[in-house]
Amino acid sequence: MVEELLSRVAMLRGVPPEGLSLLVRQGRRRTYGPGEAVVCQGEAARSVQVLLVGRVLLTRAHPAMTEVVRLRECGPGDLIGARGVLDGVPQPYGATAITDAGTLELSAPLLALLVLRHPDATAPLMRVLGGRFRPADSGAFLERLERAARDARRTG
């Protein structure tokens, strides 16, 4: 069931079944109650949350604004916190559970391992993971991928 949901996620389309199985086996299931933070704005991105059940609200705060801006509501199959995971860039928004919610947390090392095992099927994923990726940075990007994949092999 989770693998079927993952196969419909835009950045994972084309990943073969064994790649999706890897994510399900090594990903971490998380649960959140209504009002609980899923992602905090400004924290370093270290993982991606795939929303499996429930609803989550994305918001953005800024010192120049008097109110928090409601960006959008997410449902099953949506990604939370994906931009710039390999770079550890600050999250540009916060995410709060509206209802009871469940996610599959995919760490940066696990996603890097997926990219290295299935490079032809993960081009959309690579664009999201790098965040600030530029063609001139491709060597550094590949080094980050390889380092993260080594970490995943040691812990997995």
N, C-alpha and C. Protein backbone atom coordinates (compact mmCIF):
# COMPACT_ATOMS: atom_id res chain seq x y z
N MET A 1 0.82 -1.19 0.00
CA MET A 1 0.00 0.00 0.00
C MET A 1 0.87 1.27 0.00
N VAL A 2 1.89 1.33 0.86
CA VAL A 2 2.77 2.50 0.91
C VAL A 2 3.56 2.60 -0.38
N GLU A 3 4.03 1.47 -0.90
CA GLU A 3 4.77 1.50 -2.16
C GLU A 3 3.91 2.02 -3.30
N GLU A 4 2.63 1.66 -3.29
CA GLU A 4 1.71 2.15 -4.33
C GLU A 4 1.57 3.68 -4.24
N LEU A 5 1.43 4.19 -3.02
CA LEU A 5 1.35 5.63 -2.83
C LEU A 5 2.64 6.31 -3.29
N LEU A 6 3.79 5.75 -2.93
CA LEU A 6 5.07 6.33 -3.34
C LEU A 6 5.21 6.36 -4.85
N SER A 7 4.70 5.34 -5.54
CA SER A 7 4.81 5.28 -7.00
C SER A 7 4.04 6.41 -7.67
N ARG A 8 3.09 7.02 -6.95
CA ARG A 8 2.30 8.13 -7.51
C ARG A 8 2.88 9.50 -7.16
N VAL A 9 3.92 9.54 -6.33
CA VAL A 9 4.57 10.80 -5.97
C VAL A 9 5.40 11.26 -7.17
N ALA A 10 5.18 12.49 -7.62
CA ALA A 10 5.80 12.98 -8.86
C ALA A 10 7.31 12.76 -8.90
N MET A 11 8.03 13.10 -7.83
CA MET A 11 9.49 12.99 -7.90
C MET A 11 9.98 11.56 -7.81
N LEU A 12 9.08 10.60 -7.53
CA LEU A 12 9.48 9.19 -7.45
C LEU A 12 8.94 8.37 -8.63
N ARG A 13 8.18 9.00 -9.51
CA ARG A 13 7.67 8.26 -10.67
C ARG A 13 8.83 7.73 -11.48
N GLY A 14 8.73 6.49 -11.87
CA GLY A 14 9.80 5.89 -12.65
C GLY A 14 10.79 5.10 -11.80
N VAL A 15 10.76 5.29 -10.48
CA VAL A 15 11.64 4.50 -9.61
C VAL A 15 11.10 3.07 -9.61
N PRO A 16 11.95 2.09 -9.87
CA PRO A 16 11.49 0.70 -9.94
C PRO A 16 10.99 0.20 -8.57
N PRO A 17 10.18 -0.87 -8.58
CA PRO A 17 9.62 -1.40 -7.34
C PRO A 17 10.66 -1.69 -6.26
N GLU A 18 11.86 -2.18 -6.65
CA GLU A 18 12.87 -2.47 -5.63
C GLU A 18 13.37 -1.19 -4.96
N GLY A 19 13.39 -0.08 -5.69
CA GLY A 19 13.77 1.20 -5.11
C GLY A 19 12.72 1.70 -4.12
N LEU A 20 11.44 1.55 -4.49
CA LEU A 20 10.36 1.95 -3.58
C LEU A 20 10.35 1.07 -2.33
N SER A 21 10.63 -0.23 -2.52
CA SER A 21 10.71 -1.15 -1.36
C SER A 21 11.83 -0.74 -0.41
N LEU A 22 12.95 -0.29 -0.97
CA LEU A 22 14.05 0.20 -0.14
C LEU A 22 13.59 1.37 0.73
N LEU A 23 12.86 2.30 0.14
CA LEU A 23 12.38 3.45 0.90
C LEU A 23 11.43 3.03 2.02
N VAL A 24 10.54 2.10 1.72
CA VAL A 24 9.58 1.63 2.73
C VAL A 24 10.29 0.89 3.86
N ARG A 25 11.26 0.05 3.51
CA ARG A 25 11.99 -0.72 4.54
C ARG A 25 12.86 0.15 5.43
N GLN A 26 13.53 1.13 4.82
CA GLN A 26 14.50 1.91 5.58
C GLN A 26 13.98 3.29 6.01
N GLY A 27 12.82 3.68 5.50
CA GLY A 27 12.21 4.94 5.94
C GLY A 27 11.66 4.77 7.35
N ARG A 28 11.40 5.88 7.99
CA ARG A 28 10.91 5.87 9.37
C ARG A 28 9.46 6.37 9.41
N ARG A 29 8.58 5.57 9.98
CA ARG A 29 7.18 5.99 10.12
C ARG A 29 7.08 6.99 11.27
N ARG A 30 6.36 8.08 11.03
CA ARG A 30 6.15 9.12 12.03
C ARG A 30 4.66 9.41 12.14
N THR A 31 4.23 9.76 13.33
CA THR A 31 2.83 10.16 13.53
C THR A 31 2.79 11.51 14.23
N TYR A 32 1.77 12.29 13.89
CA TYR A 32 1.60 13.63 14.43
C TYR A 32 0.14 13.84 14.79
N GLY A 33 -0.10 14.50 15.91
CA GLY A 33 -1.45 14.88 16.30
C GLY A 33 -1.79 16.26 15.78
N PRO A 34 -3.08 16.61 15.77
CA PRO A 34 -3.48 17.94 15.31
C PRO A 34 -2.72 19.03 16.07
N GLY A 35 -2.18 20.00 15.32
CA GLY A 35 -1.44 21.10 15.91
C GLY A 35 0.04 20.83 16.11
N GLU A 36 0.46 19.60 15.89
CA GLU A 36 1.87 19.25 16.09
C GLU A 36 2.70 19.63 14.86
N ALA A 37 3.91 20.15 15.09
CA ALA A 37 4.80 20.55 14.00
C ALA A 37 5.39 19.33 13.30
N VAL A 38 5.28 19.31 11.99
CA VAL A 38 5.90 18.28 11.16
C VAL A 38 7.26 18.79 10.69
N VAL A 39 7.32 20.05 10.29
CA VAL A 39 8.54 20.73 9.87
C VAL A 39 8.51 22.13 10.47
N CYS A 40 9.64 22.59 10.99
CA CYS A 40 9.73 23.95 11.55
C CYS A 40 10.48 24.85 10.58
N GLN A 41 9.86 25.99 10.27
CA GLN A 41 10.51 26.96 9.39
C GLN A 41 11.85 27.36 9.97
N GLY A 42 12.88 27.39 9.11
CA GLY A 42 14.22 27.80 9.53
C GLY A 42 15.13 26.66 9.95
N GLU A 43 14.57 25.48 10.26
CA GLU A 43 15.42 24.33 10.62
C GLU A 43 16.12 23.79 9.37
N ALA A 44 17.29 23.23 9.55
CA ALA A 44 18.03 22.64 8.44
C ALA A 44 17.27 21.42 7.91
N ALA A 45 17.16 21.33 6.59
CA ALA A 45 16.50 20.19 5.95
C ALA A 45 17.39 18.97 6.06
N ARG A 46 16.89 17.90 6.66
CA ARG A 46 17.67 16.66 6.82
C ARG A 46 16.92 15.43 6.32
N SER A 47 15.63 15.61 6.06
CA SER A 47 14.82 14.50 5.57
C SER A 47 13.61 15.04 4.83
N VAL A 48 12.95 14.14 4.13
CA VAL A 48 11.72 14.43 3.40
C VAL A 48 10.62 13.63 4.08
N GLN A 49 9.48 14.23 4.28
CA GLN A 49 8.32 13.52 4.82
C GLN A 49 7.34 13.28 3.68
N VAL A 50 6.95 12.03 3.45
CA VAL A 50 5.89 11.72 2.50
C VAL A 50 4.63 11.53 3.34
N LEU A 51 3.64 12.37 3.11
CA LEU A 51 2.41 12.28 3.87
C LEU A 51 1.63 11.04 3.43
N LEU A 52 1.39 10.13 4.38
CA LEU A 52 0.67 8.89 4.09
C LEU A 52 -0.82 9.01 4.39
N VAL A 53 -1.14 9.63 5.53
CA VAL A 53 -2.54 9.83 5.93
C VAL A 53 -2.66 11.18 6.63
N GLY A 54 -3.84 11.77 6.54
CA GLY A 54 -4.12 13.00 7.25
C GLY A 54 -3.91 14.23 6.40
N ARG A 55 -3.99 15.39 7.07
CA ARG A 55 -3.85 16.69 6.41
C ARG A 55 -2.82 17.52 7.17
N VAL A 56 -2.00 18.26 6.42
CA VAL A 56 -0.96 19.11 6.99
C VAL A 56 -1.05 20.48 6.32
N LEU A 57 -0.89 21.55 7.12
CA LEU A 57 -0.93 22.91 6.60
C LEU A 57 0.49 23.47 6.52
N LEU A 58 0.84 23.99 5.33
CA LEU A 58 2.13 24.67 5.14
C LEU A 58 1.93 26.17 5.39
N THR A 59 2.82 26.75 6.18
CA THR A 59 2.72 28.18 6.50
C THR A 59 4.09 28.83 6.38
N ARG A 60 4.07 30.15 6.29
CA ARG A 60 5.32 30.89 6.25
C ARG A 60 5.18 32.15 7.09
N ALA A 61 6.16 32.36 7.93
CA ALA A 61 6.19 33.56 8.76
C ALA A 61 7.33 34.46 8.30
N HIS A 62 7.20 35.75 8.54
CA HIS A 62 8.25 36.70 8.21
C HIS A 62 8.16 37.86 9.20
N PRO A 63 9.31 38.35 9.67
CA PRO A 63 9.28 39.43 10.66
C PRO A 63 8.53 40.68 10.19
N ALA A 64 8.48 40.92 8.89
CA ALA A 64 7.80 42.10 8.37
C ALA A 64 6.29 41.93 8.27
N MET A 65 5.80 40.72 8.52
CA MET A 65 4.36 40.47 8.42
C MET A 65 3.78 40.28 9.82
N THR A 66 2.55 40.72 9.99
CA THR A 66 1.91 40.59 11.30
C THR A 66 1.25 39.23 11.48
N GLU A 67 0.96 38.55 10.38
CA GLU A 67 0.32 37.24 10.46
C GLU A 67 1.10 36.21 9.64
N VAL A 68 0.96 34.98 10.06
CA VAL A 68 1.55 33.86 9.33
C VAL A 68 0.73 33.64 8.06
N VAL A 69 1.40 33.42 6.95
CA VAL A 69 0.73 33.19 5.67
C VAL A 69 0.45 31.70 5.51
N ARG A 70 -0.78 31.38 5.21
CA ARG A 70 -1.17 29.99 4.92
C ARG A 70 -0.85 29.72 3.46
N LEU A 71 0.08 28.80 3.20
CA LEU A 71 0.50 28.53 1.82
C LEU A 71 -0.42 27.53 1.13
N ARG A 72 -0.57 26.36 1.75
CA ARG A 72 -1.47 25.35 1.17
C ARG A 72 -1.66 24.20 2.14
N GLU A 73 -2.67 23.43 1.86
CA GLU A 73 -2.96 22.24 2.64
C GLU A 73 -2.48 21.02 1.86
N CYS A 74 -1.83 20.10 2.56
CA CYS A 74 -1.29 18.88 1.92
C CYS A 74 -2.10 17.67 2.35
N GLY A 75 -2.14 16.68 1.46
CA GLY A 75 -2.81 15.42 1.74
C GLY A 75 -1.92 14.24 1.37
N PRO A 76 -2.44 13.04 1.50
CA PRO A 76 -1.66 11.84 1.20
C PRO A 76 -0.97 11.90 -0.16
N GLY A 77 0.32 11.56 -0.16
CA GLY A 77 1.14 11.58 -1.37
C GLY A 77 1.94 12.85 -1.54
N ASP A 78 1.62 13.88 -0.75
CA ASP A 78 2.38 15.13 -0.85
C ASP A 78 3.69 15.01 -0.07
N LEU A 79 4.69 15.77 -0.53
CA LEU A 79 6.01 15.80 0.12
C LEU A 79 6.11 17.03 0.99
N ILE A 80 6.76 16.87 2.12
CA ILE A 80 6.97 17.98 3.04
C ILE A 80 8.46 18.04 3.37
N GLY A 81 9.05 19.20 3.18
CA GLY A 81 10.45 19.41 3.56
C GLY A 81 11.47 18.88 2.59
N ALA A 82 11.14 18.79 1.31
CA ALA A 82 12.04 18.15 0.35
C ALA A 82 13.14 19.06 -0.18
N ARG A 83 12.87 20.32 -0.34
CA ARG A 83 13.82 21.21 -1.03
C ARG A 83 15.15 21.32 -0.29
N GLY A 84 16.23 20.99 -0.96
CA GLY A 84 17.57 21.20 -0.41
C GLY A 84 18.01 20.24 0.68
N VAL A 85 17.46 19.04 0.69
CA VAL A 85 17.77 18.08 1.76
C VAL A 85 19.27 17.76 1.82
N LEU A 86 19.92 17.57 0.70
CA LEU A 86 21.35 17.23 0.74
C LEU A 86 22.22 18.39 1.18
N ASP A 87 21.73 19.61 0.96
CA ASP A 87 22.48 20.80 1.36
C ASP A 87 22.21 21.18 2.81
N GLY A 88 21.14 20.66 3.40
CA GLY A 88 20.77 21.05 4.76
C GLY A 88 20.36 22.51 4.84
N VAL A 89 19.77 23.03 3.76
CA VAL A 89 19.35 24.44 3.75
C VAL A 89 18.18 24.63 4.72
N PRO A 90 18.00 25.83 5.24
CA PRO A 90 16.87 26.08 6.14
C PRO A 90 15.52 25.87 5.43
N GLN A 91 14.60 25.28 6.16
CA GLN A 91 13.26 25.07 5.60
C GLN A 91 12.59 26.43 5.37
N PRO A 92 12.08 26.68 4.16
CA PRO A 92 11.47 27.98 3.88
C PRO A 92 10.07 28.13 4.46
N TYR A 93 9.50 27.07 4.99
CA TYR A 93 8.14 27.11 5.52
C TYR A 93 8.02 26.16 6.70
N GLY A 94 6.94 26.32 7.43
CA GLY A 94 6.61 25.38 8.50
C GLY A 94 5.47 24.49 8.04
N ALA A 95 5.32 23.35 8.69
CA ALA A 95 4.23 22.43 8.37
C ALA A 95 3.65 21.92 9.69
N THR A 96 2.33 22.03 9.83
CA THR A 96 1.65 21.64 11.05
C THR A 96 0.51 20.68 10.70
N ALA A 97 0.39 19.60 11.47
CA ALA A 97 -0.71 18.65 11.25
C ALA A 97 -2.04 19.33 11.57
N ILE A 98 -2.99 19.20 10.66
CA ILE A 98 -4.35 19.70 10.88
C ILE A 98 -5.18 18.60 11.53
N THR A 99 -4.95 17.37 11.08
CA THR A 99 -5.63 16.19 11.61
C THR A 99 -4.55 15.23 12.11
N ASP A 100 -4.95 14.10 12.66
CA ASP A 100 -3.95 13.06 12.91
C ASP A 100 -3.30 12.77 11.56
N ALA A 101 -1.99 12.69 11.56
CA ALA A 101 -1.27 12.51 10.30
C ALA A 101 -0.16 11.48 10.48
N GLY A 102 0.14 10.77 9.41
CA GLY A 102 1.23 9.81 9.40
C GLY A 102 2.10 10.05 8.19
N THR A 103 3.42 9.96 8.39
CA THR A 103 4.35 10.18 7.29
C THR A 103 5.37 9.05 7.23
N LEU A 104 6.03 8.97 6.11
CA LEU A 104 7.21 8.13 5.96
C LEU A 104 8.37 9.10 5.81
N GLU A 105 9.27 9.11 6.79
CA GLU A 105 10.41 10.02 6.78
C GLU A 105 11.55 9.36 6.02
N LEU A 106 12.05 10.04 5.00
CA LEU A 106 13.13 9.55 4.16
C LEU A 106 14.35 10.43 4.39
N SER A 107 15.38 9.87 5.00
CA SER A 107 16.58 10.65 5.32
C SER A 107 17.37 10.98 4.06
N ALA A 108 18.19 12.02 4.16
CA ALA A 108 19.06 12.39 3.04
C ALA A 108 19.96 11.23 2.62
N PRO A 109 20.60 10.50 3.55
CA PRO A 109 21.44 9.37 3.12
C PRO A 109 20.64 8.29 2.39
N LEU A 110 19.42 8.03 2.83
CA LEU A 110 18.60 7.02 2.16
C LEU A 110 18.24 7.48 0.75
N LEU A 111 17.87 8.73 0.59
CA LEU A 111 17.54 9.25 -0.74
C LEU A 111 18.76 9.25 -1.65
N ALA A 112 19.92 9.56 -1.10
CA ALA A 112 21.15 9.53 -1.89
C ALA A 112 21.44 8.11 -2.37
N LEU A 113 21.24 7.14 -1.50
CA LEU A 113 21.44 5.74 -1.88
C LEU A 113 20.50 5.35 -3.02
N LEU A 114 19.25 5.79 -2.93
CA LEU A 114 18.29 5.52 -4.00
C LEU A 114 18.76 6.11 -5.32
N VAL A 115 19.25 7.34 -5.29
CA VAL A 115 19.73 8.00 -6.51
C VAL A 115 20.91 7.25 -7.10
N LEU A 116 21.83 6.81 -6.27
CA LEU A 116 23.01 6.09 -6.79
C LEU A 116 22.65 4.72 -7.35
N ARG A 117 21.66 4.07 -6.76
CA ARG A 117 21.24 2.75 -7.26
C ARG A 117 20.39 2.84 -8.52
N HIS A 118 19.66 3.94 -8.68
CA HIS A 118 18.72 4.08 -9.80
C HIS A 118 18.87 5.46 -10.44
N PRO A 119 20.05 5.78 -10.96
CA PRO A 119 20.28 7.15 -11.47
C PRO A 119 19.37 7.55 -12.62
N ASP A 120 19.03 6.62 -13.51
CA ASP A 120 18.20 6.98 -14.66
C ASP A 120 16.76 7.28 -14.26
N ALA A 121 16.31 6.72 -13.15
CA ALA A 121 14.92 6.87 -12.74
C ALA A 121 14.70 7.98 -11.72
N THR A 122 15.78 8.64 -11.30
CA THR A 122 15.64 9.58 -10.20
C THR A 122 16.00 11.02 -10.54
N ALA A 123 16.00 11.38 -11.81
CA ALA A 123 16.32 12.76 -12.20
C ALA A 123 15.41 13.78 -11.52
N PRO A 124 14.08 13.56 -11.46
CA PRO A 124 13.24 14.54 -10.76
C PRO A 124 13.61 14.66 -9.28
N LEU A 125 13.95 13.57 -8.67
CA LEU A 125 14.35 13.56 -7.26
C LEU A 125 15.63 14.37 -7.06
N MET A 126 16.60 14.20 -7.95
CA MET A 126 17.88 14.91 -7.82
C MET A 126 17.69 16.42 -7.89
N ARG A 127 16.77 16.87 -8.74
CA ARG A 127 16.52 18.31 -8.84
C ARG A 127 16.00 18.87 -7.52
N VAL A 128 15.17 18.12 -6.82
CA VAL A 128 14.61 18.58 -5.55
C VAL A 128 15.63 18.47 -4.42
N LEU A 129 16.37 17.37 -4.37
CA LEU A 129 17.31 17.14 -3.27
C LEU A 129 18.40 18.19 -3.18
N GLY A 130 18.89 18.63 -4.32
CA GLY A 130 20.01 19.56 -4.32
C GLY A 130 19.66 20.96 -3.88
N GLY A 131 18.41 21.36 -4.01
CA GLY A 131 18.00 22.69 -3.60
C GLY A 131 18.71 23.77 -4.37
N ARG A 132 19.92 24.10 -3.99
CA ARG A 132 20.69 25.17 -4.63
C ARG A 132 21.61 24.63 -5.71
N PHE A 133 21.39 23.42 -6.18
CA PHE A 133 22.24 22.76 -7.16
C PHE A 133 22.35 23.59 -8.45
N ARG A 134 23.54 23.72 -8.93
CA ARG A 134 23.83 24.38 -10.20
C ARG A 134 24.75 23.45 -10.99
N PRO A 135 24.69 23.48 -12.33
CA PRO A 135 25.56 22.60 -13.13
C PRO A 135 27.03 22.70 -12.75
N ALA A 136 27.51 23.88 -12.39
CA ALA A 136 28.92 24.04 -12.03
C ALA A 136 29.25 23.30 -10.74
N ASP A 137 28.23 22.98 -9.95
CA ASP A 137 28.42 22.30 -8.67
C ASP A 137 28.29 20.78 -8.80
N SER A 138 28.19 20.26 -10.01
CA SER A 138 27.85 18.85 -10.18
C SER A 138 28.84 17.91 -9.48
N GLY A 139 30.12 18.23 -9.49
CA GLY A 139 31.10 17.38 -8.79
C GLY A 139 30.85 17.36 -7.30
N ALA A 140 30.61 18.51 -6.72
CA ALA A 140 30.33 18.59 -5.28
C ALA A 140 29.02 17.88 -4.95
N PHE A 141 28.04 18.02 -5.83
CA PHE A 141 26.75 17.36 -5.62
C PHE A 141 26.92 15.85 -5.61
N LEU A 142 27.66 15.33 -6.56
CA LEU A 142 27.89 13.89 -6.61
C LEU A 142 28.68 13.40 -5.39
N GLU A 143 29.62 14.21 -4.93
CA GLU A 143 30.34 13.86 -3.70
C GLU A 143 29.39 13.77 -2.51
N ARG A 144 28.47 14.73 -2.41
CA ARG A 144 27.49 14.68 -1.31
C ARG A 144 26.62 13.44 -1.42
N LEU A 145 26.21 13.10 -2.64
CA LEU A 145 25.40 11.89 -2.85
C LEU A 145 26.17 10.65 -2.40
N GLU A 146 27.41 10.53 -2.84
CA GLU A 146 28.21 9.35 -2.49
C GLU A 146 28.47 9.27 -1.00
N ARG A 147 28.76 10.41 -0.36
CA ARG A 147 28.99 10.42 1.09
C ARG A 147 27.72 10.01 1.83
N ALA A 148 26.58 10.53 1.42
CA ALA A 148 25.32 10.19 2.07
C ALA A 148 24.98 8.72 1.85
N ALA A 149 25.27 8.19 0.66
CA ALA A 149 25.00 6.78 0.39
C ALA A 149 25.89 5.87 1.25
N ARG A 150 27.15 6.25 1.42
CA ARG A 150 28.04 5.48 2.31
C ARG A 150 27.50 5.46 3.72
N ASP A 151 27.02 6.61 4.18
CA ASP A 151 26.43 6.69 5.53
C ASP A 151 25.21 5.77 5.64
N ALA A 152 24.40 5.74 4.58
CA ALA A 152 23.20 4.90 4.59
C ALA A 152 23.58 3.41 4.64
N ARG A 153 24.63 3.04 3.91
CA ARG A 153 25.05 1.63 3.91
C ARG A 153 25.55 1.22 5.30
N ARG A 154 26.26 2.14 5.96
CA ARG A 154 26.78 1.83 7.31
C ARG A 154 25.66 1.67 8.33
N THR A 155 24.61 2.48 8.21
CA THR A 155 23.54 2.45 9.21
C THR A 155 22.42 1.51 8.83
N GLY A 156 22.32 1.13 7.54
CA GLY A 156 21.20 0.31 7.07
C GLY A 156 21.59 -1.08 6.97
